[in-house]
Amino acid sequence: ASSPLQVKYADGELERLEHKLFIGMLPKNVSEVEVSALFSKYGTIKDLQILRGSQQTSKGCAFLKYETKEQALAALEAINGKHKMEVRVY
């Protein structure tokens, strides 16, 4: 049922300079820890924010910043459209 993650540069010039990625198609109950675990394979994460609505429920997307452009590009290449995050039901 889950779709592959969508990873792209966040919109805007500053975001590109900051190596900030937009991650879409995240499972609604995924945690920061799980997203970090996946993306930290590709580099040092400086900032990670899962976007949440009024009830603190995930909107299914996140912003993530890497230290370098190479790290951001490596993650983008490896994950965009190829990786599905499996949701564990507790």
C-alpha atoms as a PDB file:
ATOM      1  CA  ALA A   1       0.000   0.000   0.000  1.00  0.00           C
ATOM      2  CA  SER A   2       2.901   2.344   0.614  1.00  0.00           C
ATOM      3  CA  SER A   3       4.428   4.390  -2.191  1.00  0.00           C
ATOM      4  CA  PRO A   4       8.129   4.968  -2.707  1.00  0.00           C
ATOM      5  CA  LEU A   5       9.458   8.046  -0.949  1.00  0.00           C
ATOM      6  CA  GLN A   6       9.791  11.217  -2.961  1.00  0.00           C
ATOM      7  CA  VAL A   7      12.986  13.128  -2.267  1.00  0.00           C
ATOM      8  CA  LYS A   8      13.851  16.415  -3.930  1.00  0.00           C
ATOM      9  CA  TYR A   9      15.546  19.667  -3.170  1.00  0.00           C
ATOM     10  CA  ALA A  10      13.291  21.928  -1.135  1.00  0.00           C
ATOM     11  CA  ASP A  11      12.038  24.877  -3.167  1.00  0.00           C
ATOM     12  CA  GLY A  12      14.094  28.033  -3.190  1.00  0.00           C
ATOM     13  CA  GLU A  13      17.647  29.175  -3.577  1.00  0.00           C
ATOM     14  CA  LEU A  14      18.506  29.246   0.143  1.00  0.00           C
ATOM     15  CA  GLU A  15      17.311  25.679   0.608  1.00  0.00           C
ATOM     16  CA  ARG A  16      19.634  24.505  -2.145  1.00  0.00           C
ATOM     17  CA  LEU A  17      22.549  26.305  -0.510  1.00  0.00           C
ATOM     18  CA  GLU A  18      21.649  24.696   2.806  1.00  0.00           C
ATOM     19  CA  HIS A  19      21.438  21.224   1.247  1.00  0.00           C
ATOM     20  CA  LYS A  20      17.831  20.992   2.381  1.00  0.00           C
ATOM     21  CA  LEU A  21      15.716  18.164   1.012  1.00  0.00           C
ATOM     22  CA  PHE A  22      11.968  17.705   0.920  1.00  0.00           C
ATOM     23  CA  ILE A  23      10.827  14.168   1.665  1.00  0.00           C
ATOM     24  CA  GLY A  24       7.318  13.190   0.653  1.00  0.00           C
ATOM     25  CA  MET A  25       5.171  10.052   0.863  1.00  0.00           C
ATOM     26  CA  LEU A  26       6.230   9.286   4.427  1.00  0.00           C
ATOM     27  CA  PRO A  27       3.983   6.944   6.399  1.00  0.00           C
ATOM     28  CA  LYS A  28       1.776   8.958   8.761  1.00  0.00           C
ATOM     29  CA  ASN A  29       3.107   7.305  11.907  1.00  0.00           C
ATOM     30  CA  VAL A  30       6.800   7.369  11.045  1.00  0.00           C
ATOM     31  CA  SER A  31       9.062   8.916  13.682  1.00  0.00           C
ATOM     32  CA  GLU A  32      12.007  11.280  13.416  1.00  0.00           C
ATOM     33  CA  VAL A  33      14.193   8.428  14.648  1.00  0.00           C
ATOM     34  CA  GLU A  34      13.139   6.171  11.767  1.00  0.00           C
ATOM     35  CA  VAL A  35      13.647   8.895   9.144  1.00  0.00           C
ATOM     36  CA  SER A  36      17.042   9.728  10.675  1.00  0.00           C
ATOM     37  CA  ALA A  37      18.098   6.098  10.639  1.00  0.00           C
ATOM     38  CA  LEU A  38      17.427   5.849   6.917  1.00  0.00           C
ATOM     39  CA  PHE A  39      18.895   9.176   5.844  1.00  0.00           C
ATOM     40  CA  SER A  40      21.934   9.186   8.143  1.00  0.00           C
ATOM     41  CA  LYS A  41      23.458   6.431   5.984  1.00  0.00           C
ATOM     42  CA  TYR A  42      24.192   9.121   3.412  1.00  0.00           C
ATOM     43  CA  GLY A  43      25.678  11.825   5.597  1.00  0.00           C
ATOM     44  CA  THR A  44      25.436  14.011   8.659  1.00  0.00           C
ATOM     45  CA  ILE A  45      21.933  15.321   9.283  1.00  0.00           C
ATOM     46  CA  LYS A  46      21.947  18.871  10.607  1.00  0.00           C
ATOM     47  CA  ASP A  47      18.206  19.314  10.905  1.00  0.00           C
ATOM     48  CA  LEU A  48      15.107  17.168  10.486  1.00  0.00           C
ATOM     49  CA  GLN A  49      11.500  18.274  10.741  1.00  0.00           C
ATOM     50  CA  ILE A  50       8.477  16.091  10.116  1.00  0.00           C
ATOM     51  CA  LEU A  51       5.619  18.422   9.231  1.00  0.00           C
ATOM     52  CA  ARG A  52       2.670  17.993  11.568  1.00  0.00           C
ATOM     53  CA  GLY A  53      -0.885  19.222  11.633  1.00  0.00           C
ATOM     54  CA  SER A  54      -2.858  20.668  14.519  1.00  0.00           C
ATOM     55  CA  GLN A  55      -3.265  17.307  16.257  1.00  0.00           C
ATOM     56  CA  GLN A  56       0.478  16.586  15.990  1.00  0.00           C
ATOM     57  CA  THR A  57      -0.331  14.059  13.287  1.00  0.00           C
ATOM     58  CA  SER A  58       2.215  13.774  10.526  1.00  0.00           C
ATOM     59  CA  LYS A  59       1.392  15.330   7.172  1.00  0.00           C
ATOM     60  CA  GLY A  60       3.460  12.605   5.528  1.00  0.00           C
ATOM     61  CA  CYS A  61       6.374  14.829   4.624  1.00  0.00           C
ATOM     62  CA  ALA A  62       9.530  16.244   6.131  1.00  0.00           C
ATOM     63  CA  PHE A  63      12.418  18.603   5.574  1.00  0.00           C
ATOM     64  CA  LEU A  64      15.948  17.417   6.166  1.00  0.00           C
ATOM     65  CA  LYS A  65      19.262  19.289   6.021  1.00  0.00           C
ATOM     66  CA  TYR A  66      22.629  17.715   5.348  1.00  0.00           C
ATOM     67  CA  GLU A  67      26.063  19.162   6.004  1.00  0.00           C
ATOM     68  CA  THR A  68      27.199  18.963   2.377  1.00  0.00           C
ATOM     69  CA  LYS A  69      25.795  18.998  -1.112  1.00  0.00           C
ATOM     70  CA  GLU A  70      27.373  15.599  -1.821  1.00  0.00           C
ATOM     71  CA  GLN A  71      25.490  14.050   1.084  1.00  0.00           C
ATOM     72  CA  ALA A  72      22.194  15.548  -0.043  1.00  0.00           C
ATOM     73  CA  LEU A  73      22.719  14.348  -3.609  1.00  0.00           C
ATOM     74  CA  ALA A  74      23.713  10.856  -2.469  1.00  0.00           C
ATOM     75  CA  ALA A  75      20.508  10.520  -0.435  1.00  0.00           C
ATOM     76  CA  LEU A  76      18.427  11.956  -3.244  1.00  0.00           C
ATOM     77  CA  GLU A  77      19.897   9.487  -5.760  1.00  0.00           C
ATOM     78  CA  ALA A  78      19.601   6.465  -3.495  1.00  0.00           C
ATOM     79  CA  ILE A  79      16.144   7.025  -2.056  1.00  0.00           C
ATOM     80  CA  ASN A  80      13.979   9.065  -4.436  1.00  0.00           C
ATOM     81  CA  GLY A  81      11.349   6.810  -6.008  1.00  0.00           C
ATOM     82  CA  LYS A  82      13.224   3.668  -4.969  1.00  0.00           C
ATOM     83  CA  HIS A  83      12.726   3.290  -1.252  1.00  0.00           C
ATOM     84  CA  LYS A  84       9.537   2.515   0.658  1.00  0.00           C
ATOM     85  CA  MET A  85       9.364   3.098   4.373  1.00  0.00           C
ATOM     86  CA  GLU A  86       7.605   0.196   5.964  1.00  0.00           C
ATOM     87  CA  VAL A  87       5.294   1.098   8.766  1.00  0.00           C
ATOM     88  CA  ARG A  88       5.512  -1.070  11.809  1.00  0.00           C
ATOM     89  CA  VAL A  89       2.290  -1.505  13.685  1.00  0.00           C
ATOM     90  CA  TYR A  90       2.830  -1.689  17.409  1.00  0.00           C
END
